[in-house]
Amino acid sequence: MKRKLFFILSLFLIFSLYAFAENFPQKAKSVNDFIPKGWKQLFIAKGDLNKDNLEDIAIIIEKNDKKNIKKNESLGPDELNFNPRILLVLFKEKDGTYTLAAKNDKGFIQSEGNEETPTLMDTLSNISIKKNVLKITFNYFMSAGSWATSTEVYIFRFQNNVFELIGYESNSYMRNTGEEEKISINFSTNKVKSTTGGNMFEEKENKPKDEWKNVEFEKKYILDEMTESTMNEILDTIYYIE
């Protein structure tokens, strides 16, 4: 089954044109020691991720290179920032040092600017750590070219010595009509809940209907391996494979 809003929003997921690679220490005394020269901190979250009662760190860093800021000849801002971003997860040790537990440098955390859709606002919204899980929130909003918008939350838990994707939540709606759709995926139970028929603006048309589906995912989705196209792969499994 194909959902209209999810199809529209999938058009936002364009592969990054900028490849990058940085070397990080496996262990260091402070969080700043994991930030390479020429990079800066964007987001940081603190909390216990491996249930040892120590305050771990999740940090998103961005390269600070003027060469990656390009003039925009189309709609949207005057300049587009293509500086890459990296997500690091650091476990705090009893001696106060930090160990690199996970790293994503594969474009899952997208650059602020998008050449194919320059009116797409910065998608990165927030990262948080609560109840031993890491949540990464993205917002998809275009200032021109589409009425579709969404908020998406990816939920990771440290298990089997890696950070596995255990949950995904999406709330999508059309800003012109109020048409709303939601999806919730529990990768631990392989259950998917889709809610359609909702409307944020018209009470008479607001008739949400839930549909449950059991989906056998062929693999585990790991934080280190997530890319911009991973969610499209997951949705294909849900909606196109009967």
C-alpha atoms as a PDB file:
ATOM      1  CA  MET A   1       0.000   0.000   0.000  1.00  0.00           C
ATOM      2  CA  LYS A   2       1.352   3.400  -0.944  1.00  0.00           C
ATOM      3  CA  ARG A   3       0.662   6.439   1.245  1.00  0.00           C
ATOM      4  CA  LYS A   4       0.528   9.772  -0.566  1.00  0.00           C
ATOM      5  CA  LEU A   5       2.139  11.915   2.103  1.00  0.00           C
ATOM      6  CA  PHE A   6       5.003   9.514   2.725  1.00  0.00           C
ATOM      7  CA  PHE A   7       5.650   9.362  -1.017  1.00  0.00           C
ATOM      8  CA  ILE A   8       5.825  13.152  -1.207  1.00  0.00           C
ATOM      9  CA  LEU A   9       8.071  13.411   1.821  1.00  0.00           C
ATOM     10  CA  SER A  10      10.405  10.748   0.458  1.00  0.00           C
ATOM     11  CA  LEU A  11      11.289  13.192  -2.293  1.00  0.00           C
ATOM     12  CA  PHE A  12      13.071  15.261   0.343  1.00  0.00           C
ATOM     13  CA  LEU A  13      15.632  12.513   0.910  1.00  0.00           C
ATOM     14  CA  ILE A  14      18.373  13.323  -1.587  1.00  0.00           C
ATOM     15  CA  PHE A  15      21.853  11.819  -1.402  1.00  0.00           C
ATOM     16  CA  SER A  16      24.555  14.210  -0.235  1.00  0.00           C
ATOM     17  CA  LEU A  17      27.056  15.317  -2.845  1.00  0.00           C
ATOM     18  CA  TYR A  18      29.840  15.705  -0.332  1.00  0.00           C
ATOM     19  CA  ALA A  19      31.853  12.698   0.800  1.00  0.00           C
ATOM     20  CA  PHE A  20      33.923  13.096   3.952  1.00  0.00           C
ATOM     21  CA  ALA A  21      36.049  11.091   6.313  1.00  0.00           C
ATOM     22  CA  GLU A  22      37.593  11.967   9.651  1.00  0.00           C
ATOM     23  CA  ASN A  23      39.637   9.964  12.097  1.00  0.00           C
ATOM     24  CA  PHE A  24      38.453   9.889  15.703  1.00  0.00           C
ATOM     25  CA  PRO A  25      40.199   8.570  18.823  1.00  0.00           C
ATOM     26  CA  GLN A  26      38.760   5.447  20.354  1.00  0.00           C
ATOM     27  CA  LYS A  27      39.253   6.928  23.807  1.00  0.00           C
ATOM     28  CA  ALA A  28      39.913  10.462  25.097  1.00  0.00           C
ATOM     29  CA  LYS A  29      39.838  12.535  28.262  1.00  0.00           C
ATOM     30  CA  SER A  30      37.144  14.996  27.195  1.00  0.00           C
ATOM     31  CA  VAL A  31      34.339  15.452  24.678  1.00  0.00           C
ATOM     32  CA  ASN A  32      36.270  18.228  22.943  1.00  0.00           C
ATOM     33  CA  ASP A  33      39.020  15.751  22.122  1.00  0.00           C
ATOM     34  CA  PHE A  34      36.591  14.045  19.728  1.00  0.00           C
ATOM     35  CA  ILE A  35      35.896  17.244  17.755  1.00  0.00           C
ATOM     36  CA  PRO A  36      38.427  17.497  14.895  1.00  0.00           C
ATOM     37  CA  LYS A  37      40.066  20.755  13.972  1.00  0.00           C
ATOM     38  CA  GLY A  38      37.841  22.694  11.609  1.00  0.00           C
ATOM     39  CA  TRP A  39      34.617  21.225  13.049  1.00  0.00           C
ATOM     40  CA  LYS A  40      32.124  22.649  15.536  1.00  0.00           C
ATOM     41  CA  GLN A  41      29.490  21.290  17.923  1.00  0.00           C
ATOM     42  CA  LEU A  42      25.838  21.653  16.894  1.00  0.00           C
ATOM     43  CA  PHE A  43      23.857  19.485  19.320  1.00  0.00           C
ATOM     44  CA  ILE A  44      24.701  17.590  22.482  1.00  0.00           C
ATOM     45  CA  ALA A  45      22.616  15.257  24.647  1.00  0.00           C
ATOM     46  CA  LYS A  46      23.551  13.707  27.989  1.00  0.00           C
ATOM     47  CA  GLY A  47      22.244  10.623  29.753  1.00  0.00           C
ATOM     48  CA  ASP A  48      22.903   6.985  30.561  1.00  0.00           C
ATOM     49  CA  LEU A  49      22.783   4.828  27.428  1.00  0.00           C
ATOM     50  CA  ASN A  50      24.406   1.569  28.567  1.00  0.00           C
ATOM     51  CA  LYS A  51      22.811   1.299  32.033  1.00  0.00           C
ATOM     52  CA  ASP A  52      25.986   1.807  34.053  1.00  0.00           C
ATOM     53  CA  ASN A  53      24.670   4.926  35.845  1.00  0.00           C
ATOM     54  CA  LEU A  54      27.260   7.139  34.124  1.00  0.00           C
ATOM     55  CA  GLU A  55      26.381  10.159  31.996  1.00  0.00           C
ATOM     56  CA  ASP A  56      27.077   9.318  28.363  1.00  0.00           C
ATOM     57  CA  ILE A  57      27.179  11.840  25.526  1.00  0.00           C
ATOM     58  CA  ALA A  58      25.659  12.041  22.050  1.00  0.00           C
ATOM     59  CA  ILE A  59      27.019  14.881  19.968  1.00  0.00           C
ATOM     60  CA  ILE A  60      26.442  16.151  16.446  1.00  0.00           C
ATOM     61  CA  ILE A  61      29.313  18.082  14.893  1.00  0.00           C
ATOM     62  CA  GLU A  62      29.506  20.035  11.644  1.00  0.00           C
ATOM     63  CA  LYS A  63      32.487  20.870   9.477  1.00  0.00           C
ATOM     64  CA  ASN A  64      33.208  24.598   9.481  1.00  0.00           C
ATOM     65  CA  ASP A  65      34.525  25.195   5.961  1.00  0.00           C
ATOM     66  CA  LYS A  66      33.562  28.268   3.932  1.00  0.00           C
ATOM     67  CA  LYS A  67      34.262  26.304   0.739  1.00  0.00           C
ATOM     68  CA  ASN A  68      31.133  24.261   1.455  1.00  0.00           C
ATOM     69  CA  ILE A  69      28.887  27.338   1.504  1.00  0.00           C
ATOM     70  CA  LYS A  70      27.588  27.966  -2.019  1.00  0.00           C
ATOM     71  CA  LYS A  71      25.557  30.740  -3.568  1.00  0.00           C
ATOM     72  CA  ASN A  72      21.961  29.725  -4.241  1.00  0.00           C
ATOM     73  CA  GLU A  73      20.673  30.641  -7.699  1.00  0.00           C
ATOM     74  CA  SER A  74      17.168  29.326  -7.059  1.00  0.00           C
ATOM     75  CA  LEU A  75      14.374  29.824  -4.537  1.00  0.00           C
ATOM     76  CA  GLY A  76      15.293  29.721  -0.886  1.00  0.00           C
ATOM     77  CA  PRO A  77      18.147  31.348   1.049  1.00  0.00           C
ATOM     78  CA  ASP A  78      20.898  33.334  -0.641  1.00  0.00           C
ATOM     79  CA  GLU A  79      23.471  30.739   0.389  1.00  0.00           C
ATOM     80  CA  LEU A  80      23.363  26.990   0.995  1.00  0.00           C
ATOM     81  CA  ASN A  81      25.487  25.327   3.661  1.00  0.00           C
ATOM     82  CA  PHE A  82      26.719  21.930   2.467  1.00  0.00           C
ATOM     83  CA  ASN A  83      29.098  21.320   5.365  1.00  0.00           C
ATOM     84  CA  PRO A  84      28.790  17.654   6.413  1.00  0.00           C
ATOM     85  CA  ARG A  85      27.633  16.505   9.836  1.00  0.00           C
ATOM     86  CA  ILE A  86      28.692  13.574  11.994  1.00  0.00           C
ATOM     87  CA  LEU A  87      26.973  11.957  14.965  1.00  0.00           C
ATOM     88  CA  LEU A  88      29.158  10.569  17.748  1.00  0.00           C
ATOM     89  CA  VAL A  89      28.063   8.577  20.787  1.00  0.00           C
ATOM     90  CA  LEU A  90      30.509   8.540  23.693  1.00  0.00           C
ATOM     91  CA  PHE A  91      30.363   6.238  26.705  1.00  0.00           C
ATOM     92  CA  LYS A  92      31.643   7.739  29.920  1.00  0.00           C
ATOM     93  CA  GLU A  93      34.039   5.505  31.866  1.00  0.00           C
ATOM     94  CA  LYS A  94      34.505   5.282  35.626  1.00  0.00           C
ATOM     95  CA  ASP A  95      37.813   7.156  35.388  1.00  0.00           C
ATOM     96  CA  GLY A  96      36.089  10.129  33.720  1.00  0.00           C
ATOM     97  CA  THR A  97      37.332   9.436  30.208  1.00  0.00           C
ATOM     98  CA  TYR A  98      35.127   8.771  27.179  1.00  0.00           C
ATOM     99  CA  THR A  99      35.046   5.875  24.735  1.00  0.00           C
ATOM    100  CA  LEU A 100      33.715   6.168  21.186  1.00  0.00           C
ATOM    101  CA  ALA A 101      30.712   3.811  21.152  1.00  0.00           C
ATOM    102  CA  ALA A 102      29.114   4.710  17.815  1.00  0.00           C
ATOM    103  CA  LYS A 103      29.667   6.978  14.843  1.00  0.00           C
ATOM    104  CA  ASN A 104      27.566   7.910  11.847  1.00  0.00           C
ATOM    105  CA  ASP A 105      29.362   9.762   9.067  1.00  0.00           C
ATOM    106  CA  LYS A 106      27.262   8.373   6.211  1.00  0.00           C
ATOM    107  CA  GLY A 107      24.952  11.350   5.718  1.00  0.00           C
ATOM    108  CA  PHE A 108      22.136  10.182   7.981  1.00  0.00           C
ATOM    109  CA  ILE A 109      22.444  13.576   9.651  1.00  0.00           C
ATOM    110  CA  GLN A 110      21.981  15.696   6.547  1.00  0.00           C
ATOM    111  CA  SER A 111      23.714  18.969   5.778  1.00  0.00           C
ATOM    112  CA  GLU A 112      21.745  22.150   6.348  1.00  0.00           C
ATOM    113  CA  GLY A 113      21.564  22.921   2.629  1.00  0.00           C
ATOM    114  CA  ASN A 114      20.109  20.733  -0.097  1.00  0.00           C
ATOM    115  CA  GLU A 115      21.020  21.438  -3.699  1.00  0.00           C
ATOM    116  CA  GLU A 116      18.101  19.514  -5.213  1.00  0.00           C
ATOM    117  CA  THR A 117      15.515  21.150  -2.932  1.00  0.00           C
ATOM    118  CA  PRO A 118      17.002  24.486  -1.800  1.00  0.00           C
ATOM    119  CA  THR A 119      13.735  25.547  -0.155  1.00  0.00           C
ATOM    120  CA  LEU A 120      13.960  22.626   2.293  1.00  0.00           C
ATOM    121  CA  MET A 121      14.753  24.055   5.708  1.00  0.00           C
ATOM    122  CA  ASP A 122      17.409  22.526   7.952  1.00  0.00           C
ATOM    123  CA  THR A 123      15.963  19.105   8.795  1.00  0.00           C
ATOM    124  CA  LEU A 124      17.884  18.516  12.024  1.00  0.00           C
ATOM    125  CA  SER A 125      15.700  19.415  14.991  1.00  0.00           C
ATOM    126  CA  ASN A 126      16.959  17.757  18.177  1.00  0.00           C
ATOM    127  CA  ILE A 127      18.725  14.846  19.861  1.00  0.00           C
ATOM    128  CA  SER A 128      17.915  13.574  23.344  1.00  0.00           C
ATOM    129  CA  ILE A 129      18.722  10.767  25.767  1.00  0.00           C
ATOM    130  CA  LYS A 130      16.005   9.505  28.084  1.00  0.00           C
ATOM    131  CA  LYS A 131      15.326   6.137  29.693  1.00  0.00           C
ATOM    132  CA  ASN A 132      18.489   4.644  28.151  1.00  0.00           C
ATOM    133  CA  VAL A 133      17.465   5.406  24.548  1.00  0.00           C
ATOM    134  CA  LEU A 134      18.743   7.925  22.019  1.00  0.00           C
ATOM    135  CA  LYS A 135      16.195   9.907  20.025  1.00  0.00           C
ATOM    136  CA  ILE A 136      16.992  11.925  16.903  1.00  0.00           C
ATOM    137  CA  THR A 137      14.293  14.256  15.604  1.00  0.00           C
ATOM    138  CA  PHE A 138      14.036  15.668  12.087  1.00  0.00           C
ATOM    139  CA  ASN A 139      11.582  18.210  10.681  1.00  0.00           C
ATOM    140  CA  TYR A 140      10.855  18.384   6.949  1.00  0.00           C
ATOM    141  CA  PHE A 141       9.473  21.765   5.873  1.00  0.00           C
ATOM    142  CA  MET A 142       9.799  23.514   2.521  1.00  0.00           C
ATOM    143  CA  SER A 143       9.372  27.290   2.302  1.00  0.00           C
ATOM    144  CA  ALA A 144       8.196  26.862  -1.314  1.00  0.00           C
ATOM    145  CA  GLY A 145       7.389  24.033  -3.691  1.00  0.00           C
ATOM    146  CA  SER A 146       5.403  21.718  -1.451  1.00  0.00           C
ATOM    147  CA  TRP A 147       2.663  21.871   1.171  1.00  0.00           C
ATOM    148  CA  ALA A 148       3.832  18.628   2.773  1.00  0.00           C
ATOM    149  CA  THR A 149       5.647  18.720   6.107  1.00  0.00           C
ATOM    150  CA  SER A 150       6.550  16.134   8.707  1.00  0.00           C
ATOM    151  CA  THR A 151       8.241  15.464  12.026  1.00  0.00           C
ATOM    152  CA  GLU A 152      10.182  12.197  12.261  1.00  0.00           C
ATOM    153  CA  VAL A 153      11.767  10.611  15.313  1.00  0.00           C
ATOM    154  CA  TYR A 154      14.300   7.772  15.217  1.00  0.00           C
ATOM    155  CA  ILE A 155      14.767   5.804  18.447  1.00  0.00           C
ATOM    156  CA  PHE A 156      17.956   3.806  19.124  1.00  0.00           C
ATOM    157  CA  ARG A 157      18.880   1.521  22.017  1.00  0.00           C
ATOM    158  CA  PHE A 158      22.262   0.011  22.857  1.00  0.00           C
ATOM    159  CA  GLN A 159      21.858  -3.747  22.578  1.00  0.00           C
ATOM    160  CA  ASN A 160      23.917  -6.566  21.084  1.00  0.00           C
ATOM    161  CA  ASN A 161      26.918  -4.220  21.450  1.00  0.00           C
ATOM    162  CA  VAL A 162      25.519  -1.767  18.880  1.00  0.00           C
ATOM    163  CA  PHE A 163      22.889   0.951  18.709  1.00  0.00           C
ATOM    164  CA  GLU A 164      19.885  -0.690  17.053  1.00  0.00           C
ATOM    165  CA  LEU A 165      16.933   1.204  15.630  1.00  0.00           C
ATOM    166  CA  ILE A 166      14.037   0.075  17.823  1.00  0.00           C
ATOM    167  CA  GLY A 167      11.427   2.667  16.907  1.00  0.00           C
ATOM    168  CA  TYR A 168      10.325   5.253  14.359  1.00  0.00           C
ATOM    169  CA  GLU A 169       7.546   7.841  14.644  1.00  0.00           C
ATOM    170  CA  SER A 170       6.309  10.141  11.895  1.00  0.00           C
ATOM    171  CA  ASN A 171       3.558  12.751  11.820  1.00  0.00           C
ATOM    172  CA  SER A 172       2.946  14.164   8.327  1.00  0.00           C
ATOM    173  CA  TYR A 173       0.378  16.675   7.156  1.00  0.00           C
ATOM    174  CA  MET A 174      -0.511  18.977   4.277  1.00  0.00           C
ATOM    175  CA  ARG A 175      -0.363  22.642   5.284  1.00  0.00           C
ATOM    176  CA  ASN A 176      -3.023  23.659   2.756  1.00  0.00           C
ATOM    177  CA  THR A 177      -5.672  21.024   3.491  1.00  0.00           C
ATOM    178  CA  GLY A 178      -4.774  19.778   6.974  1.00  0.00           C
ATOM    179  CA  GLU A 179      -4.748  16.167   5.734  1.00  0.00           C
ATOM    180  CA  GLU A 180      -2.756  14.177   8.278  1.00  0.00           C
ATOM    181  CA  GLU A 181      -1.052  10.786   8.408  1.00  0.00           C
ATOM    182  CA  LYS A 182       0.962   9.082  11.103  1.00  0.00           C
ATOM    183  CA  ILE A 183       3.113   6.006  11.274  1.00  0.00           C
ATOM    184  CA  SER A 184       4.665   4.214  14.228  1.00  0.00           C
ATOM    185  CA  ILE A 185       7.118   1.332  13.817  1.00  0.00           C
ATOM    186  CA  ASN A 186       8.267  -0.965  16.601  1.00  0.00           C
ATOM    187  CA  PHE A 187      11.268  -2.858  15.256  1.00  0.00           C
ATOM    188  CA  SER A 188      11.444  -5.052  18.357  1.00  0.00           C
ATOM    189  CA  THR A 189       7.950  -6.474  17.822  1.00  0.00           C
ATOM    190  CA  ASN A 190       7.820  -5.944  14.013  1.00  0.00           C
ATOM    191  CA  LYS A 191       4.506  -4.131  14.376  1.00  0.00           C
ATOM    192  CA  VAL A 192       3.563  -1.092  12.299  1.00  0.00           C
ATOM    193  CA  LYS A 193       0.688   1.259  13.090  1.00  0.00           C
ATOM    194  CA  SER A 194      -0.538   3.559  10.291  1.00  0.00           C
ATOM    195  CA  THR A 195      -3.110   6.271  10.961  1.00  0.00           C
ATOM    196  CA  THR A 196      -4.875   7.900   8.004  1.00  0.00           C
ATOM    197  CA  GLY A 197      -7.958  10.031   7.511  1.00  0.00           C
ATOM    198  CA  GLY A 198      -6.993  12.661  10.035  1.00  0.00           C
ATOM    199  CA  ASN A 199      -7.380  16.381   9.439  1.00  0.00           C
ATOM    200  CA  MET A 200      -5.801  19.091  11.574  1.00  0.00           C
ATOM    201  CA  PHE A 201      -8.071  21.901  10.339  1.00  0.00           C
ATOM    202  CA  GLU A 202     -11.541  20.446   9.725  1.00  0.00           C
ATOM    203  CA  GLU A 203     -13.233  18.696  12.645  1.00  0.00           C
ATOM    204  CA  LYS A 204     -15.909  17.199  10.392  1.00  0.00           C
ATOM    205  CA  GLU A 205     -13.256  15.667   8.139  1.00  0.00           C
ATOM    206  CA  ASN A 206     -11.104  14.476  11.009  1.00  0.00           C
ATOM    207  CA  LYS A 207     -11.816  10.749  10.953  1.00  0.00           C
ATOM    208  CA  PRO A 208      -8.545   9.022  11.805  1.00  0.00           C
ATOM    209  CA  LYS A 209      -8.398   5.308  11.249  1.00  0.00           C
ATOM    210  CA  ASP A 210      -5.677   3.000  12.571  1.00  0.00           C
ATOM    211  CA  GLU A 211      -4.316   0.073  10.621  1.00  0.00           C
ATOM    212  CA  TRP A 212      -1.953  -2.477  12.150  1.00  0.00           C
ATOM    213  CA  LYS A 213       0.448  -4.609  10.180  1.00  0.00           C
ATOM    214  CA  ASN A 214       3.049  -7.220  11.074  1.00  0.00           C
ATOM    215  CA  VAL A 215       6.213  -6.749   9.025  1.00  0.00           C
ATOM    216  CA  GLU A 216       9.200  -9.073   9.103  1.00  0.00           C
ATOM    217  CA  PHE A 217      12.234  -6.842   8.552  1.00  0.00           C
ATOM    218  CA  GLU A 218      15.056  -8.765   6.925  1.00  0.00           C
ATOM    219  CA  LYS A 219      17.793  -7.037   8.895  1.00  0.00           C
ATOM    220  CA  LYS A 220      18.564  -4.906  11.913  1.00  0.00           C
ATOM    221  CA  TYR A 221      19.103  -1.216  11.309  1.00  0.00           C
ATOM    222  CA  ILE A 222      22.249   0.016  13.057  1.00  0.00           C
ATOM    223  CA  LEU A 223      23.026   3.651  13.865  1.00  0.00           C
ATOM    224  CA  ASP A 224      26.523   3.455  12.372  1.00  0.00           C
ATOM    225  CA  GLU A 225      25.103   2.245   9.040  1.00  0.00           C
ATOM    226  CA  MET A 226      22.125   4.584   8.640  1.00  0.00           C
ATOM    227  CA  THR A 227      22.077   6.731   5.490  1.00  0.00           C
ATOM    228  CA  GLU A 228      19.672   9.222   3.928  1.00  0.00           C
ATOM    229  CA  SER A 229      18.001   6.391   2.008  1.00  0.00           C
ATOM    230  CA  THR A 230      17.480   3.998   4.927  1.00  0.00           C
ATOM    231  CA  MET A 231      13.964   5.242   5.681  1.00  0.00           C
ATOM    232  CA  ASN A 232      12.950   4.806   2.048  1.00  0.00           C
ATOM    233  CA  GLU A 233      14.152   1.205   2.282  1.00  0.00           C
ATOM    234  CA  ILE A 234      12.065   0.651   5.408  1.00  0.00           C
ATOM    235  CA  LEU A 235       8.934   2.199   3.867  1.00  0.00           C
ATOM    236  CA  ASP A 236       9.388   0.078   0.760  1.00  0.00           C
ATOM    237  CA  THR A 237       9.353  -2.998   2.973  1.00  0.00           C
ATOM    238  CA  ILE A 238       6.127  -1.847   4.647  1.00  0.00           C
ATOM    239  CA  TYR A 239       4.116  -0.503   1.740  1.00  0.00           C
ATOM    240  CA  TYR A 240       5.303  -2.237  -1.404  1.00  0.00           C
ATOM    241  CA  ILE A 241       5.951  -5.797  -0.325  1.00  0.00           C
ATOM    242  CA  GLU A 242       2.759  -7.763   0.278  1.00  0.00           C
END
